[in-house]
Amino acid sequence: MDYNKLCDEILKLDERIRYAGVYNTTDGKVYDKMAKEKERLLSKEQTQNSLIHAYMRWKLRQQYAEFVGEPIYAMAKYTN
């Protein structure tokens, strides 16, 4: 999958989306894009740490799948 293209497509969905990112667990890389004319709120390192923690939460959700069902997606929306 072309994660850079995926990030571009996500940013096109709505002008209020300022950032799209994917943490690839296979290669440990972060693929991300910022919307044009938007400034980064987190440093690259902070962003990578945030994505790694999101991945860890995803793995935790999968551990409880037998009780509550398989997770389909997770999303975060922030006020800023």
N, C-alpha and C. Protein backbone atom coordinates (compact mmCIF):
# COMPACT_ATOMS: atom_id res chain seq x y z
N MET A 1 0.83 -1.18 0.00
CA MET A 1 0.00 0.00 0.00
C MET A 1 0.88 1.25 0.00
N ASP A 2 0.45 2.25 -0.72
CA ASP A 2 1.15 3.52 -0.77
C ASP A 2 0.61 4.43 0.34
N TYR A 3 1.29 4.44 1.47
CA TYR A 3 0.80 5.19 2.63
C TYR A 3 0.85 6.70 2.41
N ASN A 4 1.81 7.17 1.62
CA ASN A 4 1.84 8.60 1.32
C ASN A 4 0.60 9.02 0.54
N LYS A 5 0.19 8.19 -0.41
CA LYS A 5 -1.02 8.48 -1.18
C LYS A 5 -2.25 8.42 -0.27
N LEU A 6 -2.29 7.45 0.63
CA LEU A 6 -3.40 7.35 1.58
C LEU A 6 -3.51 8.62 2.41
N CYS A 7 -2.39 9.12 2.90
CA CYS A 7 -2.39 10.36 3.68
C CYS A 7 -2.91 11.53 2.84
N ASP A 8 -2.49 11.61 1.58
CA ASP A 8 -2.99 12.66 0.68
C ASP A 8 -4.51 12.57 0.53
N GLU A 9 -5.02 11.36 0.35
CA GLU A 9 -6.45 11.16 0.18
C GLU A 9 -7.23 11.55 1.44
N ILE A 10 -6.68 11.25 2.59
CA ILE A 10 -7.34 11.63 3.85
C ILE A 10 -7.40 13.14 3.98
N LEU A 11 -6.31 13.82 3.65
CA LEU A 11 -6.29 15.28 3.76
C LEU A 11 -7.30 15.93 2.81
N LYS A 12 -7.57 15.29 1.69
CA LYS A 12 -8.52 15.84 0.72
C LYS A 12 -9.97 15.73 1.19
N LEU A 13 -10.23 14.90 2.19
CA LEU A 13 -11.60 14.66 2.64
C LEU A 13 -12.25 15.91 3.23
N ASP A 14 -11.46 16.70 3.94
CA ASP A 14 -12.03 17.88 4.62
C ASP A 14 -10.91 18.86 4.89
N GLU A 15 -11.15 20.12 4.60
CA GLU A 15 -10.10 21.14 4.81
C GLU A 15 -9.74 21.33 6.27
N ARG A 16 -10.58 20.84 7.19
CA ARG A 16 -10.28 20.97 8.62
C ARG A 16 -9.30 19.91 9.10
N ILE A 17 -9.03 18.90 8.27
CA ILE A 17 -8.03 17.89 8.64
C ILE A 17 -6.66 18.49 8.40
N ARG A 18 -5.87 18.57 9.45
CA ARG A 18 -4.55 19.20 9.33
C ARG A 18 -3.42 18.18 9.19
N TYR A 19 -3.68 16.93 9.62
CA TYR A 19 -2.62 15.93 9.65
C TYR A 19 -3.21 14.55 9.39
N ALA A 20 -2.49 13.76 8.63
CA ALA A 20 -2.83 12.35 8.44
C ALA A 20 -1.54 11.56 8.60
N GLY A 21 -1.61 10.46 9.34
CA GLY A 21 -0.41 9.66 9.56
C GLY A 21 -0.71 8.20 9.73
N VAL A 22 0.26 7.38 9.33
CA VAL A 22 0.15 5.92 9.44
C VAL A 22 1.46 5.42 10.05
N TYR A 23 1.33 4.56 11.05
CA TYR A 23 2.50 3.89 11.60
C TYR A 23 2.51 2.48 11.04
N ASN A 24 3.50 2.15 10.24
CA ASN A 24 3.60 0.83 9.63
C ASN A 24 4.37 -0.08 10.58
N THR A 25 3.67 -1.06 11.12
CA THR A 25 4.29 -1.95 12.10
C THR A 25 5.32 -2.87 11.47
N THR A 26 5.24 -3.08 10.17
CA THR A 26 6.18 -3.96 9.49
C THR A 26 7.57 -3.36 9.43
N ASP A 27 7.65 -2.09 9.04
CA ASP A 27 8.97 -1.47 8.91
C ASP A 27 9.26 -0.45 10.01
N GLY A 28 8.28 -0.19 10.89
CA GLY A 28 8.49 0.74 11.99
C GLY A 28 8.57 2.19 11.57
N LYS A 29 8.13 2.50 10.35
CA LYS A 29 8.20 3.87 9.85
C LYS A 29 6.86 4.57 10.00
N VAL A 30 6.95 5.90 10.12
CA VAL A 30 5.77 6.75 10.14
C VAL A 30 5.67 7.43 8.79
N TYR A 31 4.51 7.31 8.19
CA TYR A 31 4.21 7.99 6.93
C TYR A 31 3.18 9.05 7.27
N ASP A 32 3.50 10.31 6.99
CA ASP A 32 2.56 11.35 7.36
C ASP A 32 2.63 12.54 6.42
N LYS A 33 1.55 13.30 6.46
CA LYS A 33 1.45 14.52 5.65
C LYS A 33 0.73 15.57 6.47
N MET A 34 1.15 16.80 6.28
CA MET A 34 0.46 17.95 6.87
C MET A 34 -0.30 18.65 5.76
N ALA A 35 -1.45 19.18 6.11
CA ALA A 35 -2.21 19.97 5.15
C ALA A 35 -1.39 21.21 4.80
N LYS A 36 -1.54 21.66 3.57
CA LYS A 36 -0.83 22.87 3.14
C LYS A 36 -1.25 24.05 3.99
N GLU A 37 -0.28 24.89 4.29
CA GLU A 37 -0.49 26.11 5.07
C GLU A 37 -0.93 25.86 6.51
N LYS A 38 -0.67 24.67 7.02
CA LYS A 38 -0.94 24.36 8.42
C LYS A 38 0.39 24.09 9.10
N GLU A 39 0.51 24.52 10.34
CA GLU A 39 1.76 24.27 11.05
C GLU A 39 1.64 23.01 11.90
N ARG A 40 2.76 22.38 12.09
CA ARG A 40 2.82 21.16 12.90
C ARG A 40 2.68 21.53 14.38
N LEU A 41 1.81 20.80 15.08
CA LEU A 41 1.61 21.05 16.51
C LEU A 41 2.55 20.21 17.37
N LEU A 42 2.95 19.06 16.86
CA LEU A 42 3.89 18.18 17.56
C LEU A 42 5.14 18.02 16.72
N SER A 43 6.28 17.81 17.36
CA SER A 43 7.50 17.53 16.63
C SER A 43 7.39 16.15 15.98
N LYS A 44 8.28 15.84 15.07
CA LYS A 44 8.28 14.52 14.43
C LYS A 44 8.40 13.42 15.49
N GLU A 45 9.27 13.62 16.47
CA GLU A 45 9.47 12.62 17.54
C GLU A 45 8.20 12.46 18.38
N GLN A 46 7.56 13.56 18.74
CA GLN A 46 6.32 13.48 19.50
C GLN A 46 5.23 12.76 18.70
N THR A 47 5.17 13.05 17.42
CA THR A 47 4.19 12.41 16.55
C THR A 47 4.44 10.91 16.50
N GLN A 48 5.68 10.51 16.31
CA GLN A 48 6.00 9.08 16.24
C GLN A 48 5.65 8.40 17.57
N ASN A 49 5.97 9.01 18.68
CA ASN A 49 5.61 8.44 19.98
C ASN A 49 4.10 8.30 20.14
N SER A 50 3.35 9.30 19.69
CA SER A 50 1.90 9.25 19.76
C SER A 50 1.35 8.10 18.93
N LEU A 51 1.89 7.90 17.73
CA LEU A 51 1.44 6.82 16.87
C LEU A 51 1.80 5.45 17.44
N ILE A 52 2.95 5.34 18.04
CA ILE A 52 3.35 4.07 18.65
C ILE A 52 2.39 3.73 19.80
N HIS A 53 2.04 4.72 20.60
CA HIS A 53 1.10 4.48 21.70
C HIS A 53 -0.29 4.12 21.17
N ALA A 54 -0.70 4.74 20.08
CA ALA A 54 -1.98 4.39 19.46
C ALA A 54 -1.96 2.93 19.00
N TYR A 55 -0.83 2.51 18.45
CA TYR A 55 -0.70 1.12 18.02
C TYR A 55 -0.79 0.18 19.23
N MET A 56 -0.17 0.55 20.32
CA MET A 56 -0.23 -0.28 21.52
C MET A 56 -1.67 -0.39 22.04
N ARG A 57 -2.42 0.72 21.97
CA ARG A 57 -3.84 0.67 22.39
C ARG A 57 -4.63 -0.24 21.45
N TRP A 58 -4.29 -0.22 20.16
CA TRP A 58 -4.97 -1.09 19.20
C TRP A 58 -4.73 -2.55 19.53
N LYS A 59 -3.51 -2.89 19.86
CA LYS A 59 -3.20 -4.28 20.24
C LYS A 59 -3.97 -4.69 21.49
N LEU A 60 -4.13 -3.77 22.43
CA LEU A 60 -4.90 -4.06 23.64
C LEU A 60 -6.37 -4.32 23.29
N ARG A 61 -6.93 -3.52 22.37
CA ARG A 61 -8.31 -3.76 21.94
C ARG A 61 -8.46 -5.15 21.35
N GLN A 62 -7.48 -5.58 20.59
CA GLN A 62 -7.55 -6.90 19.98
C GLN A 62 -7.52 -8.01 21.02
N GLN A 63 -6.86 -7.78 22.13
CA GLN A 63 -6.81 -8.79 23.19
C GLN A 63 -8.20 -9.05 23.78
N TYR A 64 -9.08 -8.07 23.74
CA TYR A 64 -10.42 -8.22 24.30
C TYR A 64 -11.46 -8.55 23.24
N ALA A 65 -11.03 -8.86 22.04
CA ALA A 65 -11.96 -9.11 20.93
C ALA A 65 -12.88 -10.29 21.20
N GLU A 66 -12.41 -11.30 21.89
CA GLU A 66 -13.27 -12.46 22.13
C GLU A 66 -14.46 -12.10 23.02
N PHE A 67 -14.32 -11.03 23.80
CA PHE A 67 -15.39 -10.61 24.70
C PHE A 67 -16.32 -9.56 24.08
N VAL A 68 -15.74 -8.65 23.32
CA VAL A 68 -16.53 -7.51 22.81
C VAL A 68 -16.60 -7.46 21.29
N GLY A 69 -15.92 -8.34 20.59
CA GLY A 69 -15.88 -8.33 19.13
C GLY A 69 -14.59 -7.72 18.60
N GLU A 70 -14.30 -8.03 17.35
CA GLU A 70 -13.08 -7.53 16.71
C GLU A 70 -13.16 -6.02 16.49
N PRO A 71 -12.10 -5.30 16.80
CA PRO A 71 -12.10 -3.87 16.52
C PRO A 71 -12.05 -3.63 15.01
N ILE A 72 -12.72 -2.62 14.56
CA ILE A 72 -12.74 -2.30 13.14
C ILE A 72 -11.85 -1.09 12.85
N TYR A 73 -11.99 -0.06 13.64
CA TYR A 73 -11.13 1.11 13.48
C TYR A 73 -11.08 1.87 14.78
N ALA A 74 -10.13 2.78 14.86
CA ALA A 74 -10.03 3.69 15.99
C ALA A 74 -9.68 5.06 15.43
N MET A 75 -10.21 6.09 16.06
CA MET A 75 -9.99 7.42 15.56
C MET A 75 -9.92 8.38 16.74
N ALA A 76 -9.20 9.46 16.57
CA ALA A 76 -9.14 10.49 17.61
C ALA A 76 -9.46 11.84 16.99
N LYS A 77 -10.21 12.63 17.72
CA LYS A 77 -10.52 14.00 17.31
C LYS A 77 -10.14 14.90 18.46
N TYR A 78 -9.42 15.96 18.16
CA TYR A 78 -8.94 16.86 19.20
C TYR A 78 -9.57 18.25 19.01
N THR A 79 -9.62 19.01 20.06
CA THR A 79 -10.25 20.33 20.01
C THR A 79 -9.43 21.37 19.25
N ASN A 80 -8.13 21.19 19.18
CA ASN A 80 -7.26 22.19 18.55
C ASN A 80 -7.23 22.02 17.06
